C-alpha atoms as a PDB file:
ATOM      1  CA  MET A   1       7.416   4.703  -6.356  1.00  0.00           C
ATOM      2  CA  ARG A   2       7.064   8.544  -6.792  1.00  0.00           C
ATOM      3  CA  ARG A   3       3.685   9.886  -7.262  1.00  0.00           C
ATOM      4  CA  PHE A   4       4.931  11.905 -10.085  1.00  0.00           C
ATOM      5  CA  ALA A   5       7.026  11.671 -13.235  1.00  0.00           C
ATOM      6  CA  SER A   6       9.534  14.378 -14.530  1.00  0.00           C
ATOM      7  CA  LEU A   7       9.229  16.777 -17.251  1.00  0.00           C
ATOM      8  CA  ARG A   8      12.095  16.108 -19.679  1.00  0.00           C
ATOM      9  CA  SER A   9      11.737  18.218 -22.562  1.00  0.00           C
ATOM     10  CA  GLN A  10      12.432  21.847 -23.216  1.00  0.00           C
ATOM     11  CA  ALA A  11       9.190  22.249 -24.940  1.00  0.00           C
ATOM     12  CA  ASP A  12       7.302  21.154 -22.122  1.00  0.00           C
ATOM     13  CA  PHE A  13       9.092  23.766 -19.805  1.00  0.00           C
ATOM     14  CA  ALA A  14       8.559  26.446 -22.302  1.00  0.00           C
ATOM     15  CA  ARG A  15       4.778  25.490 -22.779  1.00  0.00           C
ATOM     16  CA  LEU A  16       4.128  25.632 -19.115  1.00  0.00           C
ATOM     17  CA  ARG A  17       5.872  28.964 -18.756  1.00  0.00           C
ATOM     18  CA  ARG A  18       3.789  30.408 -21.641  1.00  0.00           C
ATOM     19  CA  HIS A  19       0.411  28.931 -20.886  1.00  0.00           C
ATOM     20  CA  GLY A  20       0.322  27.652 -17.286  1.00  0.00           C
ATOM     21  CA  ARG A  21      -1.359  29.407 -14.577  1.00  0.00           C
ATOM     22  CA  ARG A  22       1.282  31.316 -12.327  1.00  0.00           C
ATOM     23  CA  VAL A  23       1.441  31.301  -8.692  1.00  0.00           C
ATOM     24  CA  SER A  24       4.338  33.257  -6.918  1.00  0.00           C
ATOM     25  CA  THR A  25       5.489  32.543  -3.231  1.00  0.00           C
ATOM     26  CA  LYS A  26       8.611  33.834  -1.634  1.00  0.00           C
ATOM     27  CA  SER A  27      10.496  30.652  -2.329  1.00  0.00           C
ATOM     28  CA  PHE A  28       9.076  29.545  -5.783  1.00  0.00           C
ATOM     29  CA  VAL A  29       7.352  30.482  -8.845  1.00  0.00           C
ATOM     30  CA  ILE A  30       4.905  27.612  -9.777  1.00  0.00           C
ATOM     31  CA  TYR A  31       3.410  27.224 -13.219  1.00  0.00           C
ATOM     32  CA  ARG A  32       0.404  24.773 -13.411  1.00  0.00           C
ATOM     33  CA  SER A  33      -1.712  23.375 -16.202  1.00  0.00           C
ATOM     34  CA  GLU A  34      -3.989  20.637 -16.926  1.00  0.00           C
ATOM     35  CA  ALA A  35      -2.780  17.312 -17.953  1.00  0.00           C
ATOM     36  CA  LEU A  36      -2.505  16.341 -21.679  1.00  0.00           C
ATOM     37  CA  PRO A  37      -4.202  13.218 -22.945  1.00  0.00           C
ATOM     38  CA  GLY A  38      -2.085  10.238 -22.086  1.00  0.00           C
ATOM     39  CA  ASP A  39      -0.718  11.689 -18.791  1.00  0.00           C
ATOM     40  CA  ALA A  40      -1.267   8.932 -16.109  1.00  0.00           C
ATOM     41  CA  ARG A  41       0.036  10.933 -13.336  1.00  0.00           C
ATOM     42  CA  ALA A  42       1.564  14.289 -12.261  1.00  0.00           C
ATOM     43  CA  LEU A  43       4.458  15.422 -14.477  1.00  0.00           C
ATOM     44  CA  VAL A  44       6.752  17.841 -12.483  1.00  0.00           C
ATOM     45  CA  GLY A  45       9.694  20.068 -13.585  1.00  0.00           C
ATOM     46  CA  ILE A  46      12.116  21.611 -11.123  1.00  0.00           C
ATOM     47  CA  THR A  47      14.420  24.555 -12.134  1.00  0.00           C
ATOM     48  CA  VAL A  48      17.046  25.660  -9.741  1.00  0.00           C
ATOM     49  CA  SER A  49      19.528  28.087 -11.324  1.00  0.00           C
ATOM     50  CA  LYS A  50      23.042  28.911 -10.593  1.00  0.00           C
ATOM     51  CA  ALA A  51      21.899  32.118  -8.751  1.00  0.00           C
ATOM     52  CA  ILE A  52      20.784  29.869  -5.817  1.00  0.00           C
ATOM     53  CA  GLY A  53      24.446  28.503  -5.107  1.00  0.00           C
ATOM     54  CA  LYS A  54      26.727  25.814  -5.802  1.00  0.00           C
ATOM     55  CA  ALA A  55      25.807  22.454  -7.070  1.00  0.00           C
ATOM     56  CA  VAL A  56      25.522  20.924  -3.675  1.00  0.00           C
ATOM     57  CA  LEU A  57      23.102  23.518  -2.448  1.00  0.00           C
ATOM     58  CA  ARG A  58      21.053  23.270  -5.803  1.00  0.00           C
ATOM     59  CA  ASN A  59      20.952  19.619  -5.710  1.00  0.00           C
ATOM     60  CA  LYS A  60      19.841  19.500  -2.200  1.00  0.00           C
ATOM     61  CA  LEU A  61      17.081  21.858  -2.797  1.00  0.00           C
ATOM     62  CA  ARG A  62      16.020  19.974  -5.646  1.00  0.00           C
ATOM     63  CA  ARG A  63      15.771  16.669  -3.495  1.00  0.00           C
ATOM     64  CA  ARG A  64      13.956  18.420  -0.815  1.00  0.00           C
ATOM     65  CA  LEU A  65      11.363  19.718  -3.204  1.00  0.00           C
ATOM     66  CA  ALA A  66      10.877  16.397  -4.869  1.00  0.00           C
ATOM     67  CA  ALA A  67      10.289  14.942  -1.309  1.00  0.00           C
ATOM     68  CA  VAL A  68       7.747  17.546  -0.529  1.00  0.00           C
ATOM     69  CA  LEU A  69       5.995  16.914  -3.832  1.00  0.00           C
ATOM     70  CA  ASP A  70       5.788  13.276  -3.250  1.00  0.00           C
ATOM     71  CA  GLU A  71       3.983  13.962  -0.137  1.00  0.00           C
ATOM     72  CA  ALA A  72       1.765  16.639  -1.285  1.00  0.00           C
ATOM     73  CA  LEU A  73       0.535  15.131  -4.650  1.00  0.00           C
ATOM     74  CA  ALA A  74      -2.281  12.631  -4.776  1.00  0.00           C
ATOM     75  CA  PRO A  75      -1.465   9.668  -6.754  1.00  0.00           C
ATOM     76  CA  ARG A  76      -4.871  10.084  -8.690  1.00  0.00           C
ATOM     77  CA  ASN A  77      -4.167  13.642  -9.778  1.00  0.00           C
ATOM     78  CA  ALA A  78      -2.784  14.149 -13.433  1.00  0.00           C
ATOM     79  CA  MET A  79      -1.447  17.647 -13.958  1.00  0.00           C
ATOM     80  CA  ARG A  80       1.698  19.467 -15.028  1.00  0.00           C
ATOM     81  CA  LEU A  81       3.911  21.467 -12.735  1.00  0.00           C
ATOM     82  CA  LEU A  82       6.936  23.694 -13.100  1.00  0.00           C
ATOM     83  CA  PHE A  83       8.759  24.661 -10.051  1.00  0.00           C
ATOM     84  CA  VAL A  84      11.249  27.558 -10.401  1.00  0.00           C
ATOM     85  CA  ALA A  85      13.198  28.091  -7.229  1.00  0.00           C
ATOM     86  CA  ARG A  86      14.018  31.564  -5.802  1.00  0.00           C
ATOM     87  CA  PRO A  87      17.098  32.322  -3.702  1.00  0.00           C
ATOM     88  CA  PHE A  88      15.096  32.513  -0.511  1.00  0.00           C
ATOM     89  CA  ALA A  89      14.334  28.804  -0.929  1.00  0.00           C
ATOM     90  CA  ALA A  90      17.996  27.923  -0.502  1.00  0.00           C
ATOM     91  CA  ASN A  91      17.930  28.880   3.265  1.00  0.00           C
ATOM     92  CA  ALA A  92      14.199  27.603   3.988  1.00  0.00           C
ATOM     93  CA  SER A  93      13.785  24.499   6.253  1.00  0.00           C
ATOM     94  CA  PHE A  94      11.962  21.403   5.156  1.00  0.00           C
ATOM     95  CA  GLY A  95       8.984  22.271   7.070  1.00  0.00           C
ATOM     96  CA  ASP A  96       8.792  25.753   5.632  1.00  0.00           C
ATOM     97  CA  LEU A  97       9.014  24.498   2.153  1.00  0.00           C
ATOM     98  CA  ARG A  98       6.377  21.835   2.944  1.00  0.00           C
ATOM     99  CA  ALA A  99       3.998  24.446   4.217  1.00  0.00           C
ATOM    100  CA  GLU A 100       4.635  27.001   1.288  1.00  0.00           C
ATOM    101  CA  VAL A 101       4.120  24.090  -1.496  1.00  0.00           C
ATOM    102  CA  THR A 102       0.956  22.950   0.346  1.00  0.00           C
ATOM    103  CA  SER A 103      -0.506  26.268   0.577  1.00  0.00           C
ATOM    104  CA  ALA A 104       0.448  27.227  -3.034  1.00  0.00           C
ATOM    105  CA  LEU A 105      -0.994  24.103  -4.614  1.00  0.00           C
ATOM    106  CA  GLY A 106      -4.199  24.315  -2.480  1.00  0.00           C
ATOM    107  CA  PRO A 107      -6.688  21.425  -2.728  1.00  0.00           C
ATOM    108  CA  VAL A 108      -4.872  19.109  -5.227  1.00  0.00           C
END
């Protein structure tokens, strides 16, 4: 079982973009906010635009990022995260993505 659930509604994505704390890295822009009442675990949204590449590449990046987040997030931490991929992330290795996410999130 994953340590996080997916953000689903467009309103949640927009709320994080407007009110979340922003952290920029070379591969991602990360928006982070505290959990709302009723959030039992972390809620994560992943956005990979067509500027990254074709569907196969976008889905591969999305799956890699989900795997990295599953390792990086502690099961007891409830928060809301939005990851917006930048074109540099398409060519990054799994280890590079892991290191970047871990350093950007800090002590979770």
